[in-house]
PDB file of N, CA and C in Angstrom:
ATOM      1  N   MET A   1      12.322  19.715  60.751  1.00  0.00           N
ATOM      2  CA  MET A   1      12.940  18.551  60.162  1.00  0.00           C
ATOM      3  C   MET A   1      13.933  19.008  59.088  1.00  0.00           C
ATOM      4  N   GLN A   2      15.105  18.446  59.097  1.00  0.00           N
ATOM      5  CA  GLN A   2      16.142  18.809  58.135  1.00  0.00           C
ATOM      6  C   GLN A   2      15.793  18.264  56.748  1.00  0.00           C
ATOM      7  N   ARG A   3      15.963  19.124  55.742  1.00  0.00           N
ATOM      8  CA  ARG A   3      15.678  18.743  54.355  1.00  0.00           C
ATOM      9  C   ARG A   3      16.997  18.442  53.641  1.00  0.00           C
ATOM     10  N   ILE A   4      17.153  17.214  53.161  1.00  0.00           N
ATOM     11  CA  ILE A   4      18.354  16.807  52.440  1.00  0.00           C
ATOM     12  C   ILE A   4      17.964  16.465  51.010  1.00  0.00           C
ATOM     13  N   TRP A   5      18.668  17.084  50.057  1.00  0.00           N
ATOM     14  CA  TRP A   5      18.489  16.758  48.648  1.00  0.00           C
ATOM     15  C   TRP A   5      19.703  15.982  48.189  1.00  0.00           C
ATOM     16  N   VAL A   6      19.447  14.855  47.540  1.00  0.00           N
ATOM     17  CA  VAL A   6      20.505  14.032  46.967  1.00  0.00           C
ATOM     18  C   VAL A   6      20.402  14.149  45.451  1.00  0.00           C
ATOM     19  N   PHE A   7      21.509  14.507  44.830  1.00  0.00           N
ATOM     20  CA  PHE A   7      21.574  14.567  43.372  1.00  0.00           C
ATOM     21  C   PHE A   7      22.430  13.394  42.914  1.00  0.00           C
ATOM     22  N   GLU A   8      21.860  12.550  42.044  1.00  0.00           N
ATOM     23  CA  GLU A   8      22.572  11.371  41.578  1.00  0.00           C
ATOM     24  C   GLU A   8      22.421  11.207  40.080  1.00  0.00           C
ATOM     25  N   GLN A   9      23.280  10.370  39.532  1.00  0.00           N
ATOM     26  CA  GLN A   9      23.276  10.104  38.110  1.00  0.00           C
ATOM     27  C   GLN A   9      23.372   8.602  37.909  1.00  0.00           C
ATOM     28  N   GLY A  10      22.413   8.027  37.205  1.00  0.00           N
ATOM     29  CA  GLY A  10      22.458   6.610  36.891  1.00  0.00           C
ATOM     30  C   GLY A  10      22.507   5.702  38.113  1.00  0.00           C
ATOM     31  N   GLY A  11      21.803   6.055  39.175  1.00  0.00           N
ATOM     32  CA  GLY A  11      21.767   5.221  40.372  1.00  0.00           C
ATOM     33  C   GLY A  11      23.023   5.287  41.218  1.00  0.00           C
ATOM     34  N   SER A  12      23.856   6.318  41.013  1.00  0.00           N
ATOM     35  CA  SER A  12      25.146   6.421  41.704  1.00  0.00           C
ATOM     36  C   SER A  12      25.032   6.570  43.220  1.00  0.00           C
ATOM     37  N   ALA A  13      23.867   6.924  43.727  1.00  0.00           N
ATOM     38  CA  ALA A  13      23.701   7.112  45.174  1.00  0.00           C
ATOM     39  C   ALA A  13      22.765   6.073  45.788  1.00  0.00           C
ATOM     40  N   ARG A  14      22.451   5.044  45.029  1.00  0.00           N
ATOM     41  CA  ARG A  14      21.460   4.065  45.481  1.00  0.00           C
ATOM     42  C   ARG A  14      21.776   3.517  46.879  1.00  0.00           C
ATOM     43  N   ALA A  15      23.002   3.066  47.096  1.00  0.00           N
ATOM     44  CA  ALA A  15      23.370   2.496  48.401  1.00  0.00           C
ATOM     45  C   ALA A  15      23.338   3.553  49.499  1.00  0.00           C
ATOM     46  N   LYS A  16      23.786   4.756  49.190  1.00  0.00           N
ATOM     47  CA  LYS A  16      23.789   5.837  50.186  1.00  0.00           C
ATOM     48  C   LYS A  16      22.361   6.212  50.581  1.00  0.00           C
ATOM     49  N   ILE A  17      21.473   6.236  49.608  1.00  0.00           N
ATOM     50  CA  ILE A  17      20.074   6.571  49.880  1.00  0.00           C
ATOM     51  C   ILE A  17      19.449   5.508  50.773  1.00  0.00           C
ATOM     52  N   ARG A  18      19.731   4.233  50.478  1.00  0.00           N
ATOM     53  CA  ARG A  18      19.226   3.156  51.342  1.00  0.00           C
ATOM     54  C   ARG A  18      19.726   3.338  52.775  1.00  0.00           C
ATOM     55  N   GLY A  19      21.001   3.689  52.928  1.00  0.00           N
ATOM     56  CA  GLY A  19      21.569   3.905  54.258  1.00  0.00           C
ATOM     57  C   GLY A  19      20.940   5.083  54.976  1.00  0.00           C
ATOM     58  N   LEU A  20      20.735   6.167  54.249  1.00  0.00           N
ATOM     59  CA  LEU A  20      20.096   7.347  54.852  1.00  0.00           C
ATOM     60  C   LEU A  20      18.691   7.016  55.352  1.00  0.00           C
ATOM     61  N   LYS A  21      17.960   6.255  54.557  1.00  0.00           N
ATOM     62  CA  LYS A  21      16.596   5.889  54.955  1.00  0.00           C
ATOM     63  C   LYS A  21      16.611   4.917  56.127  1.00  0.00           C
ATOM     64  N   ALA A  22      17.515   3.956  56.092  1.00  0.00           N
ATOM     65  CA  ALA A  22      17.555   2.935  57.146  1.00  0.00           C
ATOM     66  C   ALA A  22      18.040   3.501  58.473  1.00  0.00           C
ATOM     67  N   TYR A  23      19.104   4.292  58.438  1.00  0.00           N
ATOM     68  CA  TYR A  23      19.708   4.768  59.681  1.00  0.00           C
ATOM     69  C   TYR A  23      19.208   6.144  60.112  1.00  0.00           C
ATOM     70  N   GLY A  24      18.607   6.882  59.185  1.00  0.00           N
ATOM     71  CA  GLY A  24      18.067   8.192  59.538  1.00  0.00           C
ATOM     72  C   GLY A  24      16.788   8.094  60.338  1.00  0.00           C
ATOM     73  N   GLN A  25      16.081   6.976  60.184  1.00  0.00           N
ATOM     74  CA  GLN A  25      14.866   6.681  60.939  1.00  0.00           C
ATOM     75  C   GLN A  25      13.889   7.855  60.962  1.00  0.00           C
ATOM     76  N   GLY A  26      13.683   8.480  59.810  1.00  0.00           N
ATOM     77  CA  GLY A  26      12.697   9.543  59.701  1.00  0.00           C
ATOM     78  C   GLY A  26      13.126  10.874  60.293  1.00  0.00           C
ATOM     79  N   SER A  27      14.427  11.053  60.543  1.00  0.00           N
ATOM     80  CA  SER A  27      14.924  12.292  61.149  1.00  0.00           C
ATOM     81  C   SER A  27      14.969  13.454  60.176  1.00  0.00           C
ATOM     82  N   PHE A  28      14.838  13.168  58.893  1.00  0.00           N
ATOM     83  CA  PHE A  28      14.933  14.226  57.899  1.00  0.00           C
ATOM     84  C   PHE A  28      14.033  13.912  56.718  1.00  0.00           C
ATOM     85  N   ASP A  29      13.795  14.944  55.932  1.00  0.00           N
ATOM     86  CA  ASP A  29      13.009  14.827  54.711  1.00  0.00           C
ATOM     87  C   ASP A  29      13.999  14.655  53.569  1.00  0.00           C
ATOM     88  N   LEU A  30      13.957  13.528  52.890  1.00  0.00           N
ATOM     89  CA  LEU A  30      14.918  13.193  51.838  1.00  0.00           C
ATOM     90  C   LEU A  30      14.275  13.336  50.468  1.00  0.00           C
ATOM     91  N   THR A  31      14.886  14.148  49.612  1.00  0.00           N
ATOM     92  CA  THR A  31      14.440  14.305  48.231  1.00  0.00           C
ATOM     93  C   THR A  31      15.570  13.836  47.330  1.00  0.00           C
ATOM     94  N   VAL A  32      15.249  12.981  46.366  1.00  0.00           N
ATOM     95  CA  VAL A  32      16.252  12.456  45.437  1.00  0.00           C
ATOM     96  C   VAL A  32      15.967  13.030  44.055  1.00  0.00           C
ATOM     97  N   HIS A  33      16.990  13.633  43.484  1.00  0.00           N
ATOM     98  CA  HIS A  33      16.915  14.213  42.141  1.00  0.00           C
ATOM     99  C   HIS A  33      17.815  13.355  41.252  1.00  0.00           C
ATOM    100  N   SER A  34      17.212  12.495  40.434  1.00  0.00           N
ATOM    101  CA  SER A  34      17.970  11.551  39.602  1.00  0.00           C
ATOM    102  C   SER A  34      18.050  12.029  38.161  1.00  0.00           C
ATOM    103  N   LEU A  35      19.248  11.944  37.621  1.00  0.00           N
ATOM    104  CA  LEU A  35      19.471  12.234  36.203  1.00  0.00           C
ATOM    105  C   LEU A  35      19.942  10.934  35.564  1.00  0.00           C
ATOM    106  N   ASP A  36      19.110  10.368  34.709  1.00  0.00           N
ATOM    107  CA  ASP A  36      19.420   9.050  34.168  1.00  0.00           C
ATOM    108  C   ASP A  36      19.638   9.041  32.660  1.00  0.00           C
ATOM    109  N   GLN A  37      19.536  10.187  32.017  1.00  0.00           N
ATOM    110  CA  GLN A  37      19.701  10.229  30.568  1.00  0.00           C
ATOM    111  C   GLN A  37      21.190  10.295  30.195  1.00  0.00           C
ATOM    112  N   ALA A  38      21.495   9.868  28.975  1.00  0.00           N
ATOM    113  CA  ALA A  38      22.867   9.973  28.456  1.00  0.00           C
ATOM    114  C   ALA A  38      23.188  11.452  28.235  1.00  0.00           C
ATOM    115  N   LEU A  39      24.407  11.832  28.575  1.00  0.00           N
ATOM    116  CA  LEU A  39      24.813  13.232  28.475  1.00  0.00           C
ATOM    117  C   LEU A  39      26.061  13.360  27.620  1.00  0.00           C
ATOM    118  N   PRO A  40      26.202  14.493  26.917  1.00  0.00           N
ATOM    119  CA  PRO A  40      27.425  14.720  26.151  1.00  0.00           C
ATOM    120  C   PRO A  40      28.609  14.970  27.095  1.00  0.00           C
ATOM    121  N   PRO A  41      29.835  14.851  26.599  1.00  0.00           N
ATOM    122  CA  PRO A  41      31.007  15.063  27.449  1.00  0.00           C
ATOM    123  C   PRO A  41      31.110  16.478  28.023  1.00  0.00           C
ATOM    124  N   VAL A  42      30.610  17.466  27.298  1.00  0.00           N
ATOM    125  CA  VAL A  42      30.660  18.854  27.755  1.00  0.00           C
ATOM    126  C   VAL A  42      29.236  19.410  27.762  1.00  0.00           C
ATOM    127  N   LEU A  43      28.861  20.018  28.888  1.00  0.00           N
ATOM    128  CA  LEU A  43      27.553  20.659  29.009  1.00  0.00           C
ATOM    129  C   LEU A  43      27.769  22.155  29.202  1.00  0.00           C
ATOM    130  N   ASP A  44      27.433  22.931  28.188  1.00  0.00           N
ATOM    131  CA  ASP A  44      27.568  24.385  28.297  1.00  0.00           C
ATOM    132  C   ASP A  44      26.470  24.993  29.159  1.00  0.00           C
ATOM    133  N   ASP A  45      25.274  24.386  29.123  1.00  0.00           N
ATOM    134  CA  ASP A  45      24.139  24.896  29.887  1.00  0.00           C
ATOM    135  C   ASP A  45      23.533  23.739  30.669  1.00  0.00           C
ATOM    136  N   THR A  46      23.726  23.739  31.970  1.00  0.00           N
ATOM    137  CA  THR A  46      23.193  22.661  32.801  1.00  0.00           C
ATOM    138  C   THR A  46      21.843  23.000  33.420  1.00  0.00           C
ATOM    139  N   SER A  47      21.342  24.188  33.169  1.00  0.00           N
ATOM    140  CA  SER A  47      20.095  24.623  33.817  1.00  0.00           C
ATOM    141  C   SER A  47      18.903  23.687  33.583  1.00  0.00           C
ATOM    142  N   PRO A  48      18.786  23.010  32.437  1.00  0.00           N
ATOM    143  CA  PRO A  48      17.639  22.112  32.274  1.00  0.00           C
ATOM    144  C   PRO A  48      17.655  20.910  33.232  1.00  0.00           C
ATOM    145  N   TYR A  49      18.781  20.636  33.834  1.00  0.00           N
ATOM    146  CA  TYR A  49      18.916  19.454  34.684  1.00  0.00           C
ATOM    147  C   TYR A  49      18.680  19.737  36.172  1.00  0.00           C
ATOM    148  N   PHE A  50      18.512  20.992  36.524  1.00  0.00           N
ATOM    149  CA  PHE A  50      18.385  21.364  37.927  1.00  0.00           C
ATOM    150  C   PHE A  50      17.121  22.177  38.184  1.00  0.00           C
ATOM    151  N   PRO A  51      16.654  22.135  39.440  1.00  0.00           N
ATOM    152  CA  PRO A  51      15.543  23.034  39.794  1.00  0.00           C
ATOM    153  C   PRO A  51      16.030  24.481  39.788  1.00  0.00           C
ATOM    154  N   GLN A  52      15.115  25.405  39.678  1.00  0.00           N
ATOM    155  CA  GLN A  52      15.474  26.827  39.653  1.00  0.00           C
ATOM    156  C   GLN A  52      16.060  27.283  40.980  1.00  0.00           C
ATOM    157  N   GLU A  53      15.611  26.646  42.060  1.00  0.00           N
ATOM    158  CA  GLU A  53      16.049  27.037  43.397  1.00  0.00           C
ATOM    159  C   GLU A  53      16.297  25.779  44.222  1.00  0.00           C
ATOM    160  N   ILE A  54      17.335  25.806  45.027  1.00  0.00           N
ATOM    161  CA  ILE A  54      17.641  24.698  45.915  1.00  0.00           C
ATOM    162  C   ILE A  54      16.982  24.994  47.261  1.00  0.00           C
ATOM    163  N   ARG A  55      15.972  24.224  47.608  1.00  0.00           N
ATOM    164  CA  ARG A  55      15.254  24.409  48.878  1.00  0.00           C
ATOM    165  C   ARG A  55      15.576  23.246  49.801  1.00  0.00           C
ATOM    166  N   ALA A  56      16.763  23.300  50.370  1.00  0.00           N
ATOM    167  CA  ALA A  56      17.210  22.222  51.251  1.00  0.00           C
ATOM    168  C   ALA A  56      18.111  22.803  52.330  1.00  0.00           C
ATOM    169  N   ASP A  57      18.350  22.009  53.346  1.00  0.00           N
ATOM    170  CA  ASP A  57      19.293  22.385  54.393  1.00  0.00           C
ATOM    171  C   ASP A  57      20.678  21.816  54.091  1.00  0.00           C
ATOM    172  N   LEU A  58      20.725  20.794  53.241  1.00  0.00           N
ATOM    173  CA  LEU A  58      21.973  20.151  52.856  1.00  0.00           C
ATOM    174  C   LEU A  58      21.777  19.470  51.514  1.00  0.00           C
ATOM    175  N   VAL A  59      22.789  19.560  50.651  1.00  0.00           N
ATOM    176  CA  VAL A  59      22.781  18.867  49.367  1.00  0.00           C
ATOM    177  C   VAL A  59      23.931  17.871  49.356  1.00  0.00           C
ATOM    178  N   LEU A  60      23.639  16.664  48.878  1.00  0.00           N
ATOM    179  CA  LEU A  60      24.652  15.635  48.696  1.00  0.00           C
ATOM    180  C   LEU A  60      24.810  15.399  47.194  1.00  0.00           C
ATOM    181  N   ASP A  61      26.023  15.538  46.699  1.00  0.00           N
ATOM    182  CA  ASP A  61      26.302  15.427  45.257  1.00  0.00           C
ATOM    183  C   ASP A  61      26.922  14.068  44.951  1.00  0.00           C
ATOM    184  N   PHE A  62      26.169  13.250  44.211  1.00  0.00           N
ATOM    185  CA  PHE A  62      26.671  11.976  43.705  1.00  0.00           C
ATOM    186  C   PHE A  62      26.615  11.966  42.178  1.00  0.00           C
ATOM    187  N   LEU A  63      26.662  13.143  41.585  1.00  0.00           N
ATOM    188  CA  LEU A  63      26.649  13.256  40.128  1.00  0.00           C
ATOM    189  C   LEU A  63      28.002  12.828  39.581  1.00  0.00           C
ATOM    190  N   ARG A  64      27.991  12.261  38.391  1.00  0.00           N
ATOM    191  CA  ARG A  64      29.234  11.804  37.766  1.00  0.00           C
ATOM    192  C   ARG A  64      29.810  12.831  36.790  1.00  0.00           C
ATOM    193  N   HIS A  65      28.958  13.627  36.213  1.00  0.00           N
ATOM    194  CA  HIS A  65      29.403  14.594  35.199  1.00  0.00           C
ATOM    195  C   HIS A  65      29.990  15.820  35.895  1.00  0.00           C
ATOM    196  N   PRO A  66      31.257  16.171  35.610  1.00  0.00           N
ATOM    197  CA  PRO A  66      31.883  17.302  36.307  1.00  0.00           C
ATOM    198  C   PRO A  66      31.201  18.645  36.062  1.00  0.00           C
ATOM    199  N   ASP A  67      30.643  18.853  34.879  1.00  0.00           N
ATOM    200  CA  ASP A  67      29.938  20.121  34.620  1.00  0.00           C
ATOM    201  C   ASP A  67      28.705  20.238  35.507  1.00  0.00           C
ATOM    202  N   LEU A  68      27.999  19.128  35.707  1.00  0.00           N
ATOM    203  CA  LEU A  68      26.819  19.143  36.579  1.00  0.00           C
ATOM    204  C   LEU A  68      27.216  19.419  38.024  1.00  0.00           C
ATOM    205  N   SER A  69      28.276  18.767  38.494  1.00  0.00           N
ATOM    206  CA  SER A  69      28.708  18.968  39.886  1.00  0.00           C
ATOM    207  C   SER A  69      29.121  20.409  40.143  1.00  0.00           C
ATOM    208  N   LEU A  70      29.872  20.977  39.230  1.00  0.00           N
ATOM    209  CA  LEU A  70      30.325  22.355  39.412  1.00  0.00           C
ATOM    210  C   LEU A  70      29.147  23.328  39.429  1.00  0.00           C
ATOM    211  N   ASP A  71      28.225  23.157  38.505  1.00  0.00           N
ATOM    212  CA  ASP A  71      27.078  24.074  38.466  1.00  0.00           C
ATOM    213  C   ASP A  71      26.137  23.855  39.652  1.00  0.00           C
ATOM    214  N   LEU A  72      26.030  22.613  40.120  1.00  0.00           N
ATOM    215  CA  LEU A  72      25.244  22.369  41.330  1.00  0.00           C
ATOM    216  C   LEU A  72      25.888  23.082  42.516  1.00  0.00           C
ATOM    217  N   ALA A  73      27.199  23.035  42.609  1.00  0.00           N
ATOM    218  CA  ALA A  73      27.919  23.733  43.682  1.00  0.00           C
ATOM    219  C   ALA A  73      27.651  25.235  43.617  1.00  0.00           C
ATOM    220  N   ARG A  74      27.640  25.779  42.436  1.00  0.00           N
ATOM    221  CA  ARG A  74      27.372  27.214  42.281  1.00  0.00           C
ATOM    222  C   ARG A  74      25.932  27.558  42.668  1.00  0.00           C
ATOM    223  N   LEU A  75      24.991  26.674  42.319  1.00  0.00           N
ATOM    224  CA  LEU A  75      23.596  26.889  42.734  1.00  0.00           C
ATOM    225  C   LEU A  75      23.480  26.872  44.255  1.00  0.00           C
ATOM    226  N   CYS A  76      24.146  25.912  44.872  1.00  0.00           N
ATOM    227  CA  CYS A  76      24.109  25.820  46.335  1.00  0.00           C
ATOM    228  C   CYS A  76      24.742  27.053  46.968  1.00  0.00           C
ATOM    229  N   GLN A  77      25.833  27.509  46.390  1.00  0.00           N
ATOM    230  CA  GLN A  77      26.482  28.724  46.901  1.00  0.00           C
ATOM    231  C   GLN A  77      25.528  29.912  46.792  1.00  0.00           C
ATOM    232  N   ARG A  78      24.889  30.062  45.648  1.00  0.00           N
ATOM    233  CA  ARG A  78      23.945  31.165  45.429  1.00  0.00           C
ATOM    234  C   ARG A  78      22.804  31.128  46.436  1.00  0.00           C
ATOM    235  N   ASP A  79      22.277  29.908  46.697  1.00  0.00           N
ATOM    236  CA  ASP A  79      21.131  29.760  47.592  1.00  0.00           C
ATOM    237  C   ASP A  79      21.538  29.538  49.049  1.00  0.00           C
ATOM    238  N   LYS A  80      22.858  29.621  49.305  1.00  0.00           N
ATOM    239  CA  LYS A  80      23.394  29.486  50.672  1.00  0.00           C
ATOM    240  C   LYS A  80      23.014  28.150  51.316  1.00  0.00           C
ATOM    241  N   VAL A  81      23.185  27.083  50.538  1.00  0.00           N
ATOM    242  CA  VAL A  81      22.910  25.725  51.003  1.00  0.00           C
ATOM    243  C   VAL A  81      24.233  24.964  51.021  1.00  0.00           C
ATOM    244  N   PRO A  82      24.638  24.417  52.163  1.00  0.00           N
ATOM    245  CA  PRO A  82      25.877  23.653  52.197  1.00  0.00           C
ATOM    246  C   PRO A  82      25.754  22.388  51.349  1.00  0.00           C
ATOM    247  N   MET A  83      26.871  21.980  50.760  1.00  0.00           N
ATOM    248  CA  MET A  83      26.890  20.818  49.880  1.00  0.00           C
ATOM    249  C   MET A  83      28.084  19.940  50.227  1.00  0.00           C
ATOM    250  N   VAL A  84      27.878  18.645  50.202  1.00  0.00           N
ATOM    251  CA  VAL A  84      28.957  17.679  50.375  1.00  0.00           C
ATOM    252  C   VAL A  84      29.110  16.941  49.044  1.00  0.00           C
ATOM    253  N   ALA A  85      30.338  16.956  48.520  1.00  0.00           N
ATOM    254  CA  ALA A  85      30.647  16.314  47.242  1.00  0.00           C
ATOM    255  C   ALA A  85      31.896  15.456  47.436  1.00  0.00           C
ATOM    256  N   SER A  86      31.722  14.290  48.026  1.00  0.00           N
ATOM    257  CA  SER A  86      32.853  13.420  48.349  1.00  0.00           C
ATOM    258  C   SER A  86      33.646  13.047  47.103  1.00  0.00           C
ATOM    259  N   GLY A  87      34.959  13.175  47.228  1.00  0.00           N
ATOM    260  CA  GLY A  87      35.852  12.771  46.155  1.00  0.00           C
ATOM    261  C   GLY A  87      35.964  13.747  45.000  1.00  0.00           C
ATOM    262  N   LYS A  88      35.239  14.840  45.035  1.00  0.00           N
ATOM    263  CA  LYS A  88      35.306  15.828  43.951  1.00  0.00           C
ATOM    264  C   LYS A  88      36.447  16.795  44.224  1.00  0.00           C
ATOM    265  N   LYS A  89      36.926  17.427  43.179  1.00  0.00           N
ATOM    266  CA  LYS A  89      37.985  18.423  43.322  1.00  0.00           C
ATOM    267  C   LYS A  89      37.471  19.749  42.797  1.00  0.00           C
ATOM    268  N   MET A  90      36.908  20.526  43.694  1.00  0.00           N
ATOM    269  CA  MET A  90      36.447  21.861  43.328  1.00  0.00           C
ATOM    270  C   MET A  90      36.578  22.750  44.540  1.00  0.00           C
ATOM    271  N   GLU A  91      36.762  24.007  44.290  1.00  0.00           N
ATOM    272  CA  GLU A  91      36.880  24.980  45.363  1.00  0.00           C
ATOM    273  C   GLU A  91      35.796  26.024  45.226  1.00  0.00           C
ATOM    274  N   VAL A  92      34.655  25.702  45.786  1.00  0.00           N
ATOM    275  CA  VAL A  92      33.516  26.604  45.797  1.00  0.00           C
ATOM    276  C   VAL A  92      33.142  26.809  47.261  1.00  0.00           C
ATOM    277  N   PRO A  93      33.093  28.047  47.715  1.00  0.00           N
ATOM    278  CA  PRO A  93      32.737  28.282  49.121  1.00  0.00           C
ATOM    279  C   PRO A  93      31.408  27.613  49.477  1.00  0.00           C
ATOM    280  N   GLY A  94      31.391  26.959  50.642  1.00  0.00           N
ATOM    281  CA  GLY A  94      30.188  26.283  51.093  1.00  0.00           C
ATOM    282  C   GLY A  94      30.101  24.823  50.657  1.00  0.00           C
ATOM    283  N   VAL A  95      31.096  24.369  49.888  1.00  0.00           N
ATOM    284  CA  VAL A  95      31.103  22.986  49.405  1.00  0.00           C
ATOM    285  C   VAL A  95      32.246  22.253  50.079  1.00  0.00           C
ATOM    286  N   LEU A  96      31.907  21.142  50.718  1.00  0.00           N
ATOM    287  CA  LEU A  96      32.898  20.308  51.365  1.00  0.00           C
ATOM    288  C   LEU A  96      33.190  19.116  50.448  1.00  0.00           C
ATOM    289  N   CYS A  97      34.455  18.905  50.129  1.00  0.00           N
ATOM    290  CA  CYS A  97      34.862  17.826  49.219  1.00  0.00           C
ATOM    291  C   CYS A  97      35.839  16.883  49.922  1.00  0.00           C
ATOM    292  N   PRO A  98      35.329  16.063  50.855  1.00  0.00           N
ATOM    293  CA  PRO A  98      36.234  15.153  51.551  1.00  0.00           C
ATOM    294  C   PRO A  98      36.719  14.051  50.607  1.00  0.00           C
ATOM    295  N   PRO A  99      37.911  13.505  50.872  1.00  0.00           N
ATOM    296  CA  PRO A  99      38.379  12.387  50.033  1.00  0.00           C
ATOM    297  C   PRO A  99      37.530  11.156  50.295  1.00  0.00           C
ATOM    298  N   THR A 100      37.497  10.286  49.308  1.00  0.00           N
ATOM    299  CA  THR A 100      36.716   9.046  49.497  1.00  0.00           C
ATOM    300  C   THR A 100      37.627   7.914  49.885  1.00  0.00           C
TER     301      THR A 100
END
């Protein structure tokens, strides 16, 4: 079974998660990692917000904070996990950033 991790901030992926559950019909294991606390404009160290290791077959990035998205992309690259970050502008190997 494919393991998909969704990273969201302040409910930013709520509709997408509902769609994945409704249309995925149990085809994959879905884990949601929500960050709901207020964050400063600049995050020098994002490690407290992420797991030590990404154990998924695919990561979906719906984070709003650019520092979090970039560091999540780097974690995925390190752990060789493909990531989709729609509408983001970053160039990290293994990360697909389609326009929205």
